[in-house]
Amino acid sequence: MKLGLRLLQERAKSDSFWWPYIANLPETFTVPIFFPGEDIKNLQYAPLLHQVVKHIWSYLDEAYHFALTFLTDSISGQ
């Protein structure tokens, strides 16, 4: 998540060192972790399904803790 936010920050800068790299990144992509729920249910390969669910929970946990830290720091004025 931190990398994504950093990329957004760099993309906003017109003189960013990273602009040539960022300009070549795809605007959209599809990976199993971002599949809609119905598509995940249709996965037939059990090890892949297990990995996708594991990554989704990990992503949600990371996002929750990031948001909690951000909000806590914002409220305390840091």
PDB file of N, CA and C in Angstrom:
ATOM      1  N   MET A   1       0.821  -1.176   0.000  1.00  0.00           N
ATOM      2  CA  MET A   1       0.000   0.000   0.000  1.00  0.00           C
ATOM      3  C   MET A   1       0.875   1.253   0.000  1.00  0.00           C
ATOM      4  N   LYS A   2       1.962   1.209   0.747  1.00  0.00           N
ATOM      5  CA  LYS A   2       2.859   2.360   0.788  1.00  0.00           C
ATOM      6  C   LYS A   2       3.448   2.639  -0.592  1.00  0.00           C
ATOM      7  N   LEU A   3       3.785   1.573  -1.315  1.00  0.00           N
ATOM      8  CA  LEU A   3       4.336   1.746  -2.655  1.00  0.00           C
ATOM      9  C   LEU A   3       3.309   2.402  -3.569  1.00  0.00           C
ATOM     10  N   GLY A   4       2.069   1.965  -3.480  1.00  0.00           N
ATOM     11  CA  GLY A   4       1.010   2.553  -4.305  1.00  0.00           C
ATOM     12  C   GLY A   4       0.830   4.029  -4.032  1.00  0.00           C
ATOM     13  N   LEU A   5       0.833   4.397  -2.767  1.00  0.00           N
ATOM     14  CA  LEU A   5       0.708   5.814  -2.410  1.00  0.00           C
ATOM     15  C   LEU A   5       1.904   6.610  -2.886  1.00  0.00           C
ATOM     16  N   ARG A   6       3.077   6.016  -2.783  1.00  0.00           N
ATOM     17  CA  ARG A   6       4.290   6.701  -3.258  1.00  0.00           C
ATOM     18  C   ARG A   6       4.236   6.918  -4.773  1.00  0.00           C
ATOM     19  N   LEU A   7       3.753   5.911  -5.502  1.00  0.00           N
ATOM     20  CA  LEU A   7       3.627   6.054  -6.955  1.00  0.00           C
ATOM     21  C   LEU A   7       2.641   7.164  -7.315  1.00  0.00           C
ATOM     22  N   LEU A   8       1.533   7.244  -6.582  1.00  0.00           N
ATOM     23  CA  LEU A   8       0.571   8.318  -6.833  1.00  0.00           C
ATOM     24  C   LEU A   8       1.195   9.679  -6.560  1.00  0.00           C
ATOM     25  N   GLN A   9       1.980   9.767  -5.506  1.00  0.00           N
ATOM     26  CA  GLN A   9       2.656  11.016  -5.171  1.00  0.00           C
ATOM     27  C   GLN A   9       3.630  11.412  -6.277  1.00  0.00           C
ATOM     28  N   GLU A  10       4.402  10.452  -6.756  1.00  0.00           N
ATOM     29  CA  GLU A  10       5.375  10.734  -7.816  1.00  0.00           C
ATOM     30  C   GLU A  10       4.683  11.051  -9.138  1.00  0.00           C
ATOM     31  N   ARG A  11       3.556  10.407  -9.401  1.00  0.00           N
ATOM     32  CA  ARG A  11       2.824  10.662 -10.643  1.00  0.00           C
ATOM     33  C   ARG A  11       2.298  12.095 -10.681  1.00  0.00           C
ATOM     34  N   ALA A  12       1.992  12.647  -9.512  1.00  0.00           N
ATOM     35  CA  ALA A  12       1.471  14.010  -9.440  1.00  0.00           C
ATOM     36  C   ALA A  12       2.545  15.063  -9.723  1.00  0.00           C
ATOM     37  N   LYS A  13       3.805  14.690  -9.600  1.00  0.00           N
ATOM     38  CA  LYS A  13       4.904  15.627  -9.848  1.00  0.00           C
ATOM     39  C   LYS A  13       5.267  15.608 -11.332  1.00  0.00           C
ATOM     40  N   SER A  14       5.240  16.772 -11.947  1.00  0.00           N
ATOM     41  CA  SER A  14       5.569  16.824 -13.376  1.00  0.00           C
ATOM     42  C   SER A  14       7.062  16.618 -13.631  1.00  0.00           C
ATOM     43  N   ASP A  15       7.892  16.899 -12.642  1.00  0.00           N
ATOM     44  CA  ASP A  15       9.336  16.773 -12.827  1.00  0.00           C
ATOM     45  C   ASP A  15       9.921  15.561 -12.096  1.00  0.00           C
ATOM     46  N   SER A  16       9.087  14.579 -11.795  1.00  0.00           N
ATOM     47  CA  SER A  16       9.533  13.409 -11.049  1.00  0.00           C
ATOM     48  C   SER A  16      10.570  12.605 -11.838  1.00  0.00           C
ATOM     49  N   PHE A  17      11.597  12.168 -11.144  1.00  0.00           N
ATOM     50  CA  PHE A  17      12.595  11.269 -11.719  1.00  0.00           C
ATOM     51  C   PHE A  17      11.931   9.989 -12.225  1.00  0.00           C
ATOM     52  N   TRP A  18      10.870   9.565 -11.548  1.00  0.00           N
ATOM     53  CA  TRP A  18      10.194   8.308 -11.862  1.00  0.00           C
ATOM     54  C   TRP A  18       9.126   8.439 -12.945  1.00  0.00           C
ATOM     55  N   TRP A  19       8.863   9.651 -13.451  1.00  0.00           N
ATOM     56  CA  TRP A  19       7.787   9.848 -14.417  1.00  0.00           C
ATOM     57  C   TRP A  19       7.892   8.936 -15.650  1.00  0.00           C
ATOM     58  N   PRO A  20       9.054   8.757 -16.277  1.00  0.00           N
ATOM     59  CA  PRO A  20       9.118   7.862 -17.442  1.00  0.00           C
ATOM     60  C   PRO A  20       8.669   6.427 -17.105  1.00  0.00           C
ATOM     61  N   TYR A  21       9.051   5.953 -15.942  1.00  0.00           N
ATOM     62  CA  TYR A  21       8.631   4.612 -15.512  1.00  0.00           C
ATOM     63  C   TYR A  21       7.135   4.581 -15.243  1.00  0.00           C
ATOM     64  N   ILE A  22       6.642   5.545 -14.498  1.00  0.00           N
ATOM     65  CA  ILE A  22       5.224   5.582 -14.137  1.00  0.00           C
ATOM     66  C   ILE A  22       4.353   5.731 -15.381  1.00  0.00           C
ATOM     67  N   ALA A  23       4.790   6.503 -16.345  1.00  0.00           N
ATOM     68  CA  ALA A  23       4.021   6.720 -17.575  1.00  0.00           C
ATOM     69  C   ALA A  23       3.840   5.425 -18.360  1.00  0.00           C
ATOM     70  N   ASN A  24       4.739   4.457 -18.175  1.00  0.00           N
ATOM     71  CA  ASN A  24       4.650   3.193 -18.895  1.00  0.00           C
ATOM     72  C   ASN A  24       3.874   2.112 -18.154  1.00  0.00           C
ATOM     73  N   LEU A  25       3.462   2.391 -16.934  1.00  0.00           N
ATOM     74  CA  LEU A  25       2.683   1.401 -16.186  1.00  0.00           C
ATOM     75  C   LEU A  25       1.275   1.298 -16.772  1.00  0.00           C
ATOM     76  N   PRO A  26       0.690   0.110 -16.770  1.00  0.00           N
ATOM     77  CA  PRO A  26      -0.680  -0.011 -17.279  1.00  0.00           C
ATOM     78  C   PRO A  26      -1.656   0.724 -16.357  1.00  0.00           C
ATOM     79  N   GLU A  27      -2.718   1.261 -16.953  1.00  0.00           N
ATOM     80  CA  GLU A  27      -3.719   1.961 -16.152  1.00  0.00           C
ATOM     81  C   GLU A  27      -4.644   0.982 -15.431  1.00  0.00           C
ATOM     82  N   THR A  28      -4.832  -0.180 -16.004  1.00  0.00           N
ATOM     83  CA  THR A  28      -5.666  -1.209 -15.371  1.00  0.00           C
ATOM     84  C   THR A  28      -4.966  -2.552 -15.503  1.00  0.00           C
ATOM     85  N   PHE A  29      -5.295  -3.456 -14.608  1.00  0.00           N
ATOM     86  CA  PHE A  29      -4.774  -4.811 -14.679  1.00  0.00           C
ATOM     87  C   PHE A  29      -5.697  -5.715 -13.888  1.00  0.00           C
ATOM     88  N   THR A  30      -5.614  -6.980 -14.164  1.00  0.00           N
ATOM     89  CA  THR A  30      -6.453  -7.943 -13.467  1.00  0.00           C
ATOM     90  C   THR A  30      -5.576  -9.047 -12.916  1.00  0.00           C
ATOM     91  N   VAL A  31      -5.650  -9.233 -11.634  1.00  0.00           N
ATOM     92  CA  VAL A  31      -4.992 -10.340 -10.965  1.00  0.00           C
ATOM     93  C   VAL A  31      -6.028 -10.962 -10.038  1.00  0.00           C
ATOM     94  N   PRO A  32      -5.880 -12.237  -9.709  1.00  0.00           N
ATOM     95  CA  PRO A  32      -6.920 -12.915  -8.924  1.00  0.00           C
ATOM     96  C   PRO A  32      -7.311 -12.224  -7.619  1.00  0.00           C
ATOM     97  N   ILE A  33      -6.393 -11.534  -6.978  1.00  0.00           N
ATOM     98  CA  ILE A  33      -6.744 -10.899  -5.703  1.00  0.00           C
ATOM     99  C   ILE A  33      -7.826  -9.828  -5.885  1.00  0.00           C
ATOM    100  N   PHE A  34      -7.939  -9.260  -7.085  1.00  0.00           N
ATOM    101  CA  PHE A  34      -8.936  -8.228  -7.343  1.00  0.00           C
ATOM    102  C   PHE A  34     -10.146  -8.741  -8.120  1.00  0.00           C
ATOM    103  N   PHE A  35     -10.276 -10.035  -8.277  1.00  0.00           N
ATOM    104  CA  PHE A  35     -11.443 -10.596  -8.949  1.00  0.00           C
ATOM    105  C   PHE A  35     -12.698 -10.315  -8.130  1.00  0.00           C
ATOM    106  N   PRO A  36     -13.833 -10.122  -8.786  1.00  0.00           N
ATOM    107  CA  PRO A  36     -15.097 -10.017  -8.044  1.00  0.00           C
ATOM    108  C   PRO A  36     -15.383 -11.338  -7.316  1.00  0.00           C
ATOM    109  N   GLY A  37     -16.167 -11.274  -6.262  1.00  0.00           N
ATOM    110  CA  GLY A  37     -16.467 -12.455  -5.451  1.00  0.00           C
ATOM    111  C   GLY A  37     -16.978 -13.637  -6.247  1.00  0.00           C
ATOM    112  N   GLU A  38     -17.842 -13.385  -7.215  1.00  0.00           N
ATOM    113  CA  GLU A  38     -18.415 -14.475  -8.015  1.00  0.00           C
ATOM    114  C   GLU A  38     -17.330 -15.180  -8.831  1.00  0.00           C
ATOM    115  N   ASP A  39     -16.382 -14.431  -9.363  1.00  0.00           N
ATOM    116  CA  ASP A  39     -15.285 -15.042 -10.122  1.00  0.00           C
ATOM    117  C   ASP A  39     -14.383 -15.872  -9.219  1.00  0.00           C
ATOM    118  N   ILE A  40     -14.165 -15.399  -8.003  1.00  0.00           N
ATOM    119  CA  ILE A  40     -13.342 -16.167  -7.068  1.00  0.00           C
ATOM    120  C   ILE A  40     -14.013 -17.500  -6.749  1.00  0.00           C
ATOM    121  N   LYS A  41     -15.334 -17.470  -6.592  1.00  0.00           N
ATOM    122  CA  LYS A  41     -16.066 -18.716  -6.321  1.00  0.00           C
ATOM    123  C   LYS A  41     -15.915 -19.715  -7.462  1.00  0.00           C
ATOM    124  N   ASN A  42     -15.730 -19.224  -8.671  1.00  0.00           N
ATOM    125  CA  ASN A  42     -15.637 -20.096  -9.844  1.00  0.00           C
ATOM    126  C   ASN A  42     -14.243 -20.667 -10.078  1.00  0.00           C
ATOM    127  N   LEU A  43     -13.273 -20.260  -9.284  1.00  0.00           N
ATOM    128  CA  LEU A  43     -11.935 -20.834  -9.433  1.00  0.00           C
ATOM    129  C   LEU A  43     -11.996 -22.324  -9.117  1.00  0.00           C
ATOM    130  N   GLN A  44     -11.458 -23.123  -9.978  1.00  0.00           N
ATOM    131  CA  GLN A  44     -11.539 -24.566  -9.819  1.00  0.00           C
ATOM    132  C   GLN A  44     -10.268 -25.172  -9.232  1.00  0.00           C
ATOM    133  N   TYR A  45      -9.209 -24.422  -9.199  1.00  0.00           N
ATOM    134  CA  TYR A  45      -7.934 -24.940  -8.741  1.00  0.00           C
ATOM    135  C   TYR A  45      -7.764 -24.563  -7.271  1.00  0.00           C
ATOM    136  N   ALA A  46      -7.937 -25.527  -6.383  1.00  0.00           N
ATOM    137  CA  ALA A  46      -7.978 -25.276  -4.942  1.00  0.00           C
ATOM    138  C   ALA A  46      -6.752 -24.534  -4.401  1.00  0.00           C
ATOM    139  N   PRO A  47      -5.520 -24.912  -4.803  1.00  0.00           N
ATOM    140  CA  PRO A  47      -4.363 -24.159  -4.282  1.00  0.00           C
ATOM    141  C   PRO A  47      -4.398 -22.673  -4.669  1.00  0.00           C
ATOM    142  N   LEU A  48      -4.864 -22.381  -5.874  1.00  0.00           N
ATOM    143  CA  LEU A  48      -4.965 -20.984  -6.294  1.00  0.00           C
ATOM    144  C   LEU A  48      -6.029 -20.263  -5.474  1.00  0.00           C
ATOM    145  N   LEU A  49      -7.158 -20.904  -5.281  1.00  0.00           N
ATOM    146  CA  LEU A  49      -8.225 -20.313  -4.481  1.00  0.00           C
ATOM    147  C   LEU A  49      -7.721 -20.010  -3.067  1.00  0.00           C
ATOM    148  N   HIS A  50      -7.003 -20.948  -2.490  1.00  0.00           N
ATOM    149  CA  HIS A  50      -6.450 -20.751  -1.148  1.00  0.00           C
ATOM    150  C   HIS A  50      -5.502 -19.556  -1.114  1.00  0.00           C
ATOM    151  N   GLN A  51      -4.623 -19.442  -2.111  1.00  0.00           N
ATOM    152  CA  GLN A  51      -3.671 -18.334  -2.164  1.00  0.00           C
ATOM    153  C   GLN A  51      -4.379 -16.989  -2.342  1.00  0.00           C
ATOM    154  N   VAL A  52      -5.410 -16.966  -3.188  1.00  0.00           N
ATOM    155  CA  VAL A  52      -6.147 -15.721  -3.419  1.00  0.00           C
ATOM    156  C   VAL A  52      -6.816 -15.265  -2.129  1.00  0.00           C
ATOM    157  N   VAL A  53      -7.489 -16.169  -1.453  1.00  0.00           N
ATOM    158  CA  VAL A  53      -8.164 -15.818  -0.200  1.00  0.00           C
ATOM    159  C   VAL A  53      -7.148 -15.364   0.847  1.00  0.00           C
ATOM    160  N   LYS A  54      -6.022 -16.050   0.919  1.00  0.00           N
ATOM    161  CA  LYS A  54      -4.963 -15.681   1.866  1.00  0.00           C
ATOM    162  C   LYS A  54      -4.452 -14.264   1.584  1.00  0.00           C
ATOM    163  N   HIS A  55      -4.237 -13.942   0.309  1.00  0.00           N
ATOM    164  CA  HIS A  55      -3.743 -12.615  -0.056  1.00  0.00           C
ATOM    165  C   HIS A  55      -4.801 -11.539   0.191  1.00  0.00           C
ATOM    166  N   ILE A  56      -6.050 -11.856  -0.046  1.00  0.00           N
ATOM    167  CA  ILE A  56      -7.118 -10.887   0.210  1.00  0.00           C
ATOM    168  C   ILE A  56      -7.143 -10.523   1.693  1.00  0.00           C
ATOM    169  N   TRP A  57      -7.096 -11.538   2.565  1.00  0.00           N
ATOM    170  CA  TRP A  57      -7.101 -11.266   4.002  1.00  0.00           C
ATOM    171  C   TRP A  57      -5.867 -10.478   4.416  1.00  0.00           C
ATOM    172  N   SER A  58      -4.733 -10.795   3.839  1.00  0.00           N
ATOM    173  CA  SER A  58      -3.497 -10.075   4.155  1.00  0.00           C
ATOM    174  C   SER A  58      -3.608  -8.614   3.716  1.00  0.00           C
ATOM    175  N   TYR A  59      -4.138  -8.407   2.522  1.00  0.00           N
ATOM    176  CA  TYR A  59      -4.316  -7.048   2.000  1.00  0.00           C
ATOM    177  C   TYR A  59      -5.277  -6.258   2.886  1.00  0.00           C
ATOM    178  N   LEU A  60      -6.383  -6.863   3.267  1.00  0.00           N
ATOM    179  CA  LEU A  60      -7.352  -6.190   4.131  1.00  0.00           C
ATOM    180  C   LEU A  60      -6.749  -5.847   5.488  1.00  0.00           C
ATOM    181  N   ASP A  61      -5.977  -6.768   6.041  1.00  0.00           N
ATOM    182  CA  ASP A  61      -5.327  -6.530   7.325  1.00  0.00           C
ATOM    183  C   ASP A  61      -4.342  -5.365   7.219  1.00  0.00           C
ATOM    184  N   GLU A  62      -3.553  -5.338   6.159  1.00  0.00           N
ATOM    185  CA  GLU A  62      -2.589  -4.261   5.960  1.00  0.00           C
ATOM    186  C   GLU A  62      -3.311  -2.926   5.769  1.00  0.00           C
ATOM    187  N   ALA A  63      -4.375  -2.920   4.981  1.00  0.00           N
ATOM    188  CA  ALA A  63      -5.129  -1.684   4.745  1.00  0.00           C
ATOM    189  C   ALA A  63      -5.757  -1.182   6.041  1.00  0.00           C
ATOM    190  N   TYR A  64      -6.297  -2.093   6.837  1.00  0.00           N
ATOM    191  CA  TYR A  64      -6.899  -1.718   8.116  1.00  0.00           C
ATOM    192  C   TYR A  64      -5.863  -1.063   9.034  1.00  0.00           C
ATOM    193  N   HIS A  65      -4.709  -1.699   9.185  1.00  0.00           N
ATOM    194  CA  HIS A  65      -3.685  -1.160  10.078  1.00  0.00           C
ATOM    195  C   HIS A  65      -3.106   0.158   9.555  1.00  0.00           C
ATOM    196  N   PHE A  66      -2.974   0.269   8.245  1.00  0.00           N
ATOM    197  CA  PHE A  66      -2.493   1.524   7.663  1.00  0.00           C
ATOM    198  C   PHE A  66      -3.487   2.645   7.951  1.00  0.00           C
ATOM    199  N   ALA A  67      -4.778   2.388   7.706  1.00  0.00           N
ATOM    200  CA  ALA A  67      -5.812   3.399   7.938  1.00  0.00           C
ATOM    201  C   ALA A  67      -5.891   3.765   9.420  1.00  0.00           C
ATOM    202  N   LEU A  68      -5.801   2.768  10.274  1.00  0.00           N
ATOM    203  CA  LEU A  68      -5.851   3.015  11.714  1.00  0.00           C
ATOM    204  C   LEU A  68      -4.692   3.903  12.158  1.00  0.00           C
ATOM    205  N   THR A  69      -3.500   3.608  11.690  1.00  0.00           N
ATOM    206  CA  THR A  69      -2.320   4.412  12.031  1.00  0.00           C
ATOM    207  C   THR A  69      -2.459   5.824  11.479  1.00  0.00           C
ATOM    208  N   PHE A  70      -2.897   5.933  10.225  1.00  0.00           N
ATOM    209  CA  PHE A  70      -3.069   7.242   9.599  1.00  0.00           C
ATOM    210  C   PHE A  70      -4.074   8.085  10.365  1.00  0.00           C
ATOM    211  N   LEU A  71      -5.221   7.500  10.683  1.00  0.00           N
ATOM    212  CA  LEU A  71      -6.254   8.244  11.399  1.00  0.00           C
ATOM    213  C   LEU A  71      -5.823   8.608  12.815  1.00  0.00           C
ATOM    214  N   THR A  72      -5.170   7.686  13.483  1.00  0.00           N
ATOM    215  CA  THR A  72      -4.691   7.949  14.841  1.00  0.00           C
ATOM    216  C   THR A  72      -3.680   9.088  14.834  1.00  0.00           C
ATOM    217  N   ASP A  73      -2.752   9.053  13.876  1.00  0.00           N
ATOM    218  CA  ASP A  73      -1.750  10.117  13.771  1.00  0.00           C
ATOM    219  C   ASP A  73      -2.404  11.457  13.410  1.00  0.00           C
ATOM    220  N   SER A  74      -3.418  11.416  12.540  1.00  0.00           N
ATOM    221  CA  SER A  74      -4.109  12.641  12.135  1.00  0.00           C
ATOM    222  C   SER A  74      -4.857  13.272  13.295  1.00  0.00           C
ATOM    223  N   ILE A  75      -5.494  12.434  14.097  1.00  0.00           N
ATOM    224  CA  ILE A  75      -6.261  12.934  15.241  1.00  0.00           C
ATOM    225  C   ILE A  75      -5.334  13.495  16.313  1.00  0.00           C
ATOM    226  N   SER A  76      -4.214  12.831  16.518  1.00  0.00           N
ATOM    227  CA  SER A  76      -3.289  13.289  17.567  1.00  0.00           C
ATOM    228  C   SER A  76      -2.436  14.471  17.092  1.00  0.00           C
ATOM    229  N   GLY A  77      -2.528  14.823  15.811  1.00  0.00           N
ATOM    230  CA  GLY A  77      -1.818  15.980  15.292  1.00  0.00           C
ATOM    231  C   GLY A  77      -0.381  15.762  14.928  1.00  0.00           C
ATOM    232  N   GLN A  78       0.013  14.524  14.679  1.00  0.00           N
ATOM    233  CA  GLN A  78       1.402  14.235  14.328  1.00  0.00           C
ATOM    234  C   GLN A  78       1.639  14.460  12.864  1.00  0.00           C
TER     235      GLN A  78
END
